[in-house]
């Protein structure tokens, strides 16, 4: 399981996330070994896509949909 949590003013990598929180759960199961880097990168891409929509004034539901689409790929 890989979880990316953004709950403060600055998220992973020092990204300013403003006044909201994003939590991206990368799924259940084994997250070790060679798959871990890809899972973490996918969670970060999903969080960034959601952040971009929210920063532009988009709806939370649209942000969630964009994040899930990335995680499903």
PDB file of N, CA and C in Angstrom:
ATOM      1  N   UNK A   1       0.850  -1.172   0.000  1.00  0.00           N
ATOM      2  CA  UNK A   1       0.000   0.000   0.000  1.00  0.00           C
ATOM      3  C   UNK A   1       0.892   1.230   0.000  1.00  0.00           C
ATOM      4  N   UNK A   2       0.577   2.182  -0.842  1.00  0.00           N
ATOM      5  CA  UNK A   2       1.298   3.435  -0.912  1.00  0.00           C
ATOM      6  C   UNK A   2       0.314   4.559  -0.674  1.00  0.00           C
ATOM      7  N   UNK A   3       0.622   5.453   0.234  1.00  0.00           N
ATOM      8  CA  UNK A   3      -0.265   6.567   0.528  1.00  0.00           C
ATOM      9  C   UNK A   3       0.514   7.860   0.410  1.00  0.00           C
ATOM     10  N   UNK A   4      -0.003   8.786  -0.380  1.00  0.00           N
ATOM     11  CA  UNK A   4       0.564  10.120  -0.451  1.00  0.00           C
ATOM     12  C   UNK A   4      -0.410  11.044   0.250  1.00  0.00           C
ATOM     13  N   UNK A   5       0.043  11.720   1.272  1.00  0.00           N
ATOM     14  CA  UNK A   5      -0.822  12.606   2.038  1.00  0.00           C
ATOM     15  C   UNK A   5      -0.290  14.026   1.957  1.00  0.00           C
ATOM     16  N   UNK A   6      -1.171  14.939   1.621  1.00  0.00           N
ATOM     17  CA  UNK A   6      -0.820  16.351   1.567  1.00  0.00           C
ATOM     18  C   UNK A   6      -1.804  17.053   2.490  1.00  0.00           C
ATOM     19  N   UNK A   7      -1.348  17.434   3.678  1.00  0.00           N
ATOM     20  CA  UNK A   7      -2.282  17.972   4.661  1.00  0.00           C
ATOM     21  C   UNK A   7      -1.845  19.301   5.276  1.00  0.00           C
ATOM     22  N   UNK A   8      -0.785  19.857   4.792  1.00  0.00           N
ATOM     23  CA  UNK A   8      -0.294  21.106   5.367  1.00  0.00           C
ATOM     24  C   UNK A   8      -0.144  22.134   4.259  1.00  0.00           C
ATOM     25  N   UNK A   9       0.348  23.298   4.613  1.00  0.00           N
ATOM     26  CA  UNK A   9       0.552  24.332   3.607  1.00  0.00           C
ATOM     27  C   UNK A   9       1.536  23.873   2.542  1.00  0.00           C
ATOM     28  N   UNK A  10       2.540  23.131   2.946  1.00  0.00           N
ATOM     29  CA  UNK A  10       3.496  22.596   1.979  1.00  0.00           C
ATOM     30  C   UNK A  10       3.380  21.085   1.950  1.00  0.00           C
ATOM     31  N   UNK A  11       3.227  20.538   0.766  1.00  0.00           N
ATOM     32  CA  UNK A  11       3.125  19.099   0.590  1.00  0.00           C
ATOM     33  C   UNK A  11       4.472  18.516   0.210  1.00  0.00           C
ATOM     34  N   UNK A  12       4.457  17.293  -0.282  1.00  0.00           N
ATOM     35  CA  UNK A  12       5.702  16.639  -0.701  1.00  0.00           C
ATOM     36  C   UNK A  12       6.460  17.485  -1.712  1.00  0.00           C
ATOM     37  N   UNK A  13       7.737  17.591  -1.533  1.00  0.00           N
ATOM     38  CA  UNK A  13       8.563  18.370  -2.446  1.00  0.00           C
ATOM     39  C   UNK A  13       8.414  19.872  -2.259  1.00  0.00           C
ATOM     40  N   UNK A  14       7.779  20.300  -1.147  1.00  0.00           N
ATOM     41  CA  UNK A  14       7.624  21.724  -0.886  1.00  0.00           C
ATOM     42  C   UNK A  14       6.575  22.404  -1.737  1.00  0.00           C
ATOM     43  N   UNK A  15       5.612  21.650  -2.258  1.00  0.00           N
ATOM     44  CA  UNK A  15       4.568  22.210  -3.108  1.00  0.00           C
ATOM     45  C   UNK A  15       3.536  22.923  -2.238  1.00  0.00           C
ATOM     46  N   UNK A  16       3.272  24.184  -2.537  1.00  0.00           N
ATOM     47  CA  UNK A  16       2.260  24.948  -1.806  1.00  0.00           C
ATOM     48  C   UNK A  16       0.886  24.473  -2.248  1.00  0.00           C
ATOM     49  N   UNK A  17       0.098  23.901  -1.310  1.00  0.00           N
ATOM     50  CA  UNK A  17      -1.201  23.357  -1.675  1.00  0.00           C
ATOM     51  C   UNK A  17      -2.370  24.236  -1.266  1.00  0.00           C
ATOM     52  N   UNK A  18      -2.112  25.366  -0.638  1.00  0.00           N
ATOM     53  CA  UNK A  18      -3.209  26.252  -0.294  1.00  0.00           C
ATOM     54  C   UNK A  18      -4.041  25.745   0.872  1.00  0.00           C
ATOM     55  N   UNK A  19      -5.355  26.006   0.825  1.00  0.00           N
ATOM     56  CA  UNK A  19      -6.218  25.706   1.958  1.00  0.00           C
ATOM     57  C   UNK A  19      -7.027  24.436   1.831  1.00  0.00           C
ATOM     58  N   UNK A  20      -6.489  23.371   1.313  1.00  0.00           N
ATOM     59  CA  UNK A  20      -7.206  22.107   1.223  1.00  0.00           C
ATOM     60  C   UNK A  20      -6.233  20.957   1.481  1.00  0.00           C
ATOM     61  N   UNK A  21      -6.757  19.771   1.607  1.00  0.00           N
ATOM     62  CA  UNK A  21      -5.917  18.594   1.828  1.00  0.00           C
ATOM     63  C   UNK A  21      -6.202  17.562   0.748  1.00  0.00           C
ATOM     64  N   UNK A  22      -5.177  16.868   0.321  1.00  0.00           N
ATOM     65  CA  UNK A  22      -5.299  15.782  -0.639  1.00  0.00           C
ATOM     66  C   UNK A  22      -4.697  14.531  -0.027  1.00  0.00           C
ATOM     67  N   UNK A  23      -5.411  13.437  -0.120  1.00  0.00           N
ATOM     68  CA  UNK A  23      -4.886  12.161   0.334  1.00  0.00           C
ATOM     69  C   UNK A  23      -5.073  11.178  -0.811  1.00  0.00           C
ATOM     70  N   UNK A  24      -3.986  10.594  -1.266  1.00  0.00           N
ATOM     71  CA  UNK A  24      -4.035   9.637  -2.363  1.00  0.00           C
ATOM     72  C   UNK A  24      -3.556   8.294  -1.839  1.00  0.00           C
ATOM     73  N   UNK A  25      -4.419   7.301  -1.938  1.00  0.00           N
ATOM     74  CA  UNK A  25      -4.115   5.946  -1.479  1.00  0.00           C
ATOM     75  C   UNK A  25      -3.802   5.102  -2.702  1.00  0.00           C
ATOM     76  N   UNK A  26      -2.631   4.521  -2.733  1.00  0.00           N
ATOM     77  CA  UNK A  26      -2.180   3.792  -3.910  1.00  0.00           C
ATOM     78  C   UNK A  26      -2.634   2.357  -4.000  1.00  0.00           C
ATOM     79  N   UNK A  27      -3.537   1.917  -3.149  1.00  0.00           N
ATOM     80  CA  UNK A  27      -4.060   0.563  -3.256  1.00  0.00           C
ATOM     81  C   UNK A  27      -3.585  -0.344  -2.141  1.00  0.00           C
ATOM     82  N   UNK A  28      -4.154  -1.544  -2.127  1.00  0.00           N
ATOM     83  CA  UNK A  28      -3.826  -2.530  -1.105  1.00  0.00           C
ATOM     84  C   UNK A  28      -2.816  -3.527  -1.658  1.00  0.00           C
ATOM     85  N   UNK A  29      -2.208  -4.247  -0.782  1.00  0.00           N
ATOM     86  CA  UNK A  29      -1.291  -5.295  -1.220  1.00  0.00           C
ATOM     87  C   UNK A  29       0.158  -4.918  -1.010  1.00  0.00           C
ATOM     88  N   UNK A  30       1.012  -5.705  -1.613  1.00  0.00           N
ATOM     89  CA  UNK A  30       2.451  -5.544  -1.459  1.00  0.00           C
ATOM     90  C   UNK A  30       2.954  -4.324  -2.224  1.00  0.00           C
ATOM     91  N   UNK A  31       3.639  -3.446  -1.535  1.00  0.00           N
ATOM     92  CA  UNK A  31       4.215  -2.249  -2.158  1.00  0.00           C
ATOM     93  C   UNK A  31       5.725  -2.228  -1.980  1.00  0.00           C
ATOM     94  N   UNK A  32       6.324  -3.369  -2.041  1.00  0.00           N
ATOM     95  CA  UNK A  32       7.772  -3.417  -1.856  1.00  0.00           C
ATOM     96  C   UNK A  32       8.458  -3.718  -3.178  1.00  0.00           C
ATOM     97  N   UNK A  33       9.748  -3.638  -3.142  1.00  0.00           N
ATOM     98  CA  UNK A  33      10.540  -4.018  -4.296  1.00  0.00           C
ATOM     99  C   UNK A  33      10.424  -3.075  -5.473  1.00  0.00           C
ATOM    100  N   UNK A  34      10.482  -3.647  -6.653  1.00  0.00           N
ATOM    101  CA  UNK A  34      10.537  -2.872  -7.889  1.00  0.00           C
ATOM    102  C   UNK A  34       9.265  -2.067  -8.153  1.00  0.00           C
ATOM    103  N   UNK A  35       8.145  -2.488  -7.622  1.00  0.00           N
ATOM    104  CA  UNK A  35       6.881  -1.791  -7.874  1.00  0.00           C
ATOM    105  C   UNK A  35       6.730  -0.504  -7.064  1.00  0.00           C
ATOM    106  N   UNK A  36       7.442  -0.399  -5.970  1.00  0.00           N
ATOM    107  CA  UNK A  36       7.244   0.721  -5.048  1.00  0.00           C
ATOM    108  C   UNK A  36       7.486   2.071  -5.705  1.00  0.00           C
ATOM    109  N   UNK A  37       8.570   2.230  -6.430  1.00  0.00           N
ATOM    110  CA  UNK A  37       8.869   3.530  -7.052  1.00  0.00           C
ATOM    111  C   UNK A  37       7.764   3.957  -8.004  1.00  0.00           C
ATOM    112  N   UNK A  38       7.251   3.033  -8.796  1.00  0.00           N
ATOM    113  CA  UNK A  38       6.164   3.344  -9.718  1.00  0.00           C
ATOM    114  C   UNK A  38       4.883   3.702  -9.001  1.00  0.00           C
ATOM    115  N   UNK A  39       4.594   3.005  -7.913  1.00  0.00           N
ATOM    116  CA  UNK A  39       3.387   3.305  -7.144  1.00  0.00           C
ATOM    117  C   UNK A  39       3.464   4.685  -6.497  1.00  0.00           C
ATOM    118  N   UNK A  40       4.603   5.001  -5.936  1.00  0.00           N
ATOM    119  CA  UNK A  40       4.785   6.322  -5.317  1.00  0.00           C
ATOM    120  C   UNK A  40       4.686   7.415  -6.380  1.00  0.00           C
ATOM    121  N   UNK A  41       5.324   7.209  -7.526  1.00  0.00           N
ATOM    122  CA  UNK A  41       5.263   8.199  -8.603  1.00  0.00           C
ATOM    123  C   UNK A  41       3.827   8.384  -9.082  1.00  0.00           C
ATOM    124  N   UNK A  42       3.075   7.298  -9.184  1.00  0.00           N
ATOM    125  CA  UNK A  42       1.670   7.388  -9.593  1.00  0.00           C
ATOM    126  C   UNK A  42       0.838   8.177  -8.605  1.00  0.00           C
ATOM    127  N   UNK A  43       1.085   7.975  -7.326  1.00  0.00           N
ATOM    128  CA  UNK A  43       0.362   8.735  -6.293  1.00  0.00           C
ATOM    129  C   UNK A  43       0.687  10.218  -6.392  1.00  0.00           C
ATOM    130  N   UNK A  44       1.942  10.528  -6.627  1.00  0.00           N
ATOM    131  CA  UNK A  44       2.335  11.935  -6.775  1.00  0.00           C
ATOM    132  C   UNK A  44       1.691  12.563  -8.011  1.00  0.00           C
ATOM    133  N   UNK A  45       1.662  11.833  -9.126  1.00  0.00           N
ATOM    134  CA  UNK A  45       1.017  12.352 -10.347  1.00  0.00           C
ATOM    135  C   UNK A  45      -0.471  12.578 -10.111  1.00  0.00           C
ATOM    136  N   UNK A  46      -1.107  11.671  -9.403  1.00  0.00           N
ATOM    137  CA  UNK A  46      -2.534  11.817  -9.110  1.00  0.00           C
ATOM    138  C   UNK A  46      -2.788  13.035  -8.226  1.00  0.00           C
ATOM    139  N   UNK A  47      -1.961  13.220  -7.210  1.00  0.00           N
ATOM    140  CA  UNK A  47      -2.115  14.373  -6.326  1.00  0.00           C
ATOM    141  C   UNK A  47      -1.881  15.678  -7.085  1.00  0.00           C
ATOM    142  N   UNK A  48      -0.898  15.695  -7.961  1.00  0.00           N
ATOM    143  CA  UNK A  48      -0.616  16.905  -8.750  1.00  0.00           C
ATOM    144  C   UNK A  48      -1.777  17.249  -9.682  1.00  0.00           C
ATOM    145  N   UNK A  49      -2.376  16.225 -10.301  1.00  0.00           N
ATOM    146  CA  UNK A  49      -3.518  16.473 -11.196  1.00  0.00           C
ATOM    147  C   UNK A  49      -4.692  17.053 -10.424  1.00  0.00           C
ATOM    148  N   UNK A  50      -4.961  16.503  -9.252  1.00  0.00           N
ATOM    149  CA  UNK A  50      -6.059  17.016  -8.426  1.00  0.00           C
ATOM    150  C   UNK A  50      -5.767  18.439  -7.971  1.00  0.00           C
ATOM    151  N   UNK A  51      -4.533  18.692  -7.566  1.00  0.00           N
ATOM    152  CA  UNK A  51      -4.125  20.028  -7.121  1.00  0.00           C
ATOM    153  C   UNK A  51      -4.322  21.053  -8.223  1.00  0.00           C
ATOM    154  N   UNK A  52      -3.944  20.698  -9.438  1.00  0.00           N
ATOM    155  CA  UNK A  52      -4.072  21.621 -10.570  1.00  0.00           C
ATOM    156  C   UNK A  52      -5.531  22.031 -10.775  1.00  0.00           C
ATOM    157  N   UNK A  53      -6.434  21.079 -10.678  1.00  0.00           N
ATOM    158  CA  UNK A  53      -7.862  21.378 -10.848  1.00  0.00           C
ATOM    159  C   UNK A  53      -8.369  22.259  -9.711  1.00  0.00           C
ATOM    160  N   UNK A  54      -8.008  21.918  -8.485  1.00  0.00           N
ATOM    161  CA  UNK A  54      -8.468  22.713  -7.333  1.00  0.00           C
ATOM    162  C   UNK A  54      -7.895  24.125  -7.360  1.00  0.00           C
ATOM    163  N   UNK A  55      -6.628  24.246  -7.737  1.00  0.00           N
ATOM    164  CA  UNK A  55      -6.007  25.573  -7.815  1.00  0.00           C
ATOM    165  C   UNK A  55      -6.677  26.461  -8.857  1.00  0.00           C
ATOM    166  N   UNK A  56      -7.229  25.837  -9.891  1.00  0.00           N
ATOM    167  CA  UNK A  56      -7.902  26.599 -10.948  1.00  0.00           C
ATOM    168  C   UNK A  56      -9.361  26.888 -10.595  1.00  0.00           C
ATOM    169  N   UNK A  57      -9.777  26.520  -9.385  1.00  0.00           N
ATOM    170  CA  UNK A  57     -11.150  26.777  -8.947  1.00  0.00           C
ATOM    171  C   UNK A  57     -12.121  25.673  -9.333  1.00  0.00           C
ATOM    172  N   UNK A  58     -11.582  24.526  -9.785  1.00  0.00           N
ATOM    173  CA  UNK A  58     -12.427  23.414 -10.185  1.00  0.00           C
ATOM    174  C   UNK A  58     -13.087  22.732  -8.997  1.00  0.00           C
ATOM    175  N   UNK A  59     -14.057  21.900  -9.324  1.00  0.00           N
ATOM    176  CA  UNK A  59     -14.812  21.177  -8.298  1.00  0.00           C
ATOM    177  C   UNK A  59     -13.992  20.020  -7.727  1.00  0.00           C
ATOM    178  N   UNK A  60     -14.237  19.721  -6.462  1.00  0.00           N
ATOM    179  CA  UNK A  60     -13.550  18.614  -5.800  1.00  0.00           C
ATOM    180  C   UNK A  60     -13.831  17.294  -6.515  1.00  0.00           C
ATOM    181  N   UNK A  61     -15.057  17.102  -6.989  1.00  0.00           N
ATOM    182  CA  UNK A  61     -15.396  15.870  -7.688  1.00  0.00           C
ATOM    183  C   UNK A  61     -14.574  15.715  -8.970  1.00  0.00           C
ATOM    184  N   UNK A  62     -14.348  16.804  -9.671  1.00  0.00           N
ATOM    185  CA  UNK A  62     -13.509  16.758 -10.875  1.00  0.00           C
ATOM    186  C   UNK A  62     -12.069  16.417 -10.520  1.00  0.00           C
ATOM    187  N   UNK A  63     -11.594  16.942  -9.396  1.00  0.00           N
ATOM    188  CA  UNK A  63     -10.231  16.647  -8.945  1.00  0.00           C
ATOM    189  C   UNK A  63     -10.091  15.172  -8.588  1.00  0.00           C
ATOM    190  N   UNK A  64     -11.086  14.636  -7.920  1.00  0.00           N
ATOM    191  CA  UNK A  64     -11.058  13.219  -7.561  1.00  0.00           C
ATOM    192  C   UNK A  64     -11.079  12.346  -8.803  1.00  0.00           C
ATOM    193  N   UNK A  65     -11.927  12.685  -9.755  1.00  0.00           N
ATOM    194  CA  UNK A  65     -12.013  11.900 -10.987  1.00  0.00           C
ATOM    195  C   UNK A  65     -10.671  11.892 -11.731  1.00  0.00           C
ATOM    196  N   UNK A  66     -10.032  13.035 -11.819  1.00  0.00           N
ATOM    197  CA  UNK A  66      -8.742  13.108 -12.503  1.00  0.00           C
ATOM    198  C   UNK A  66      -7.698  12.253 -11.796  1.00  0.00           C
ATOM    199  N   UNK A  67      -7.695  12.298 -10.460  1.00  0.00           N
ATOM    200  CA  UNK A  67      -6.729  11.500  -9.691  1.00  0.00           C
ATOM    201  C   UNK A  67      -6.978  10.007  -9.884  1.00  0.00           C
ATOM    202  N   UNK A  68      -8.231   9.599  -9.835  1.00  0.00           N
ATOM    203  CA  UNK A  68      -8.551   8.181  -9.992  1.00  0.00           C
ATOM    204  C   UNK A  68      -8.186   7.692 -11.396  1.00  0.00           C
ATOM    205  N   UNK A  69      -8.427   8.512 -12.404  1.00  0.00           N
ATOM    206  CA  UNK A  69      -8.074   8.113 -13.775  1.00  0.00           C
ATOM    207  C   UNK A  69      -6.577   7.852 -13.902  1.00  0.00           C
ATOM    208  N   UNK A  70      -5.769   8.677 -13.250  1.00  0.00           N
ATOM    209  CA  UNK A  70      -4.321   8.484 -13.283  1.00  0.00           C
ATOM    210  C   UNK A  70      -3.938   7.202 -12.540  1.00  0.00           C
ATOM    211  N   UNK A  71      -4.555   6.955 -11.401  1.00  0.00           N
ATOM    212  CA  UNK A  71      -4.232   5.763 -10.640  1.00  0.00           C
ATOM    213  C   UNK A  71      -4.665   4.480 -11.364  1.00  0.00           C
ATOM    214  N   UNK A  72      -5.699   4.573 -12.161  1.00  0.00           N
ATOM    215  CA  UNK A  72      -6.175   3.409 -12.902  1.00  0.00           C
ATOM    216  C   UNK A  72      -5.299   3.078 -14.094  1.00  0.00           C
ATOM    217  N   UNK A  73      -4.505   4.035 -14.565  1.00  0.00           N
ATOM    218  CA  UNK A  73      -3.662   3.783 -15.751  1.00  0.00           C
ATOM    219  C   UNK A  73      -2.429   3.016 -15.411  1.00  0.00           C
TER     220      UNK A  73
END
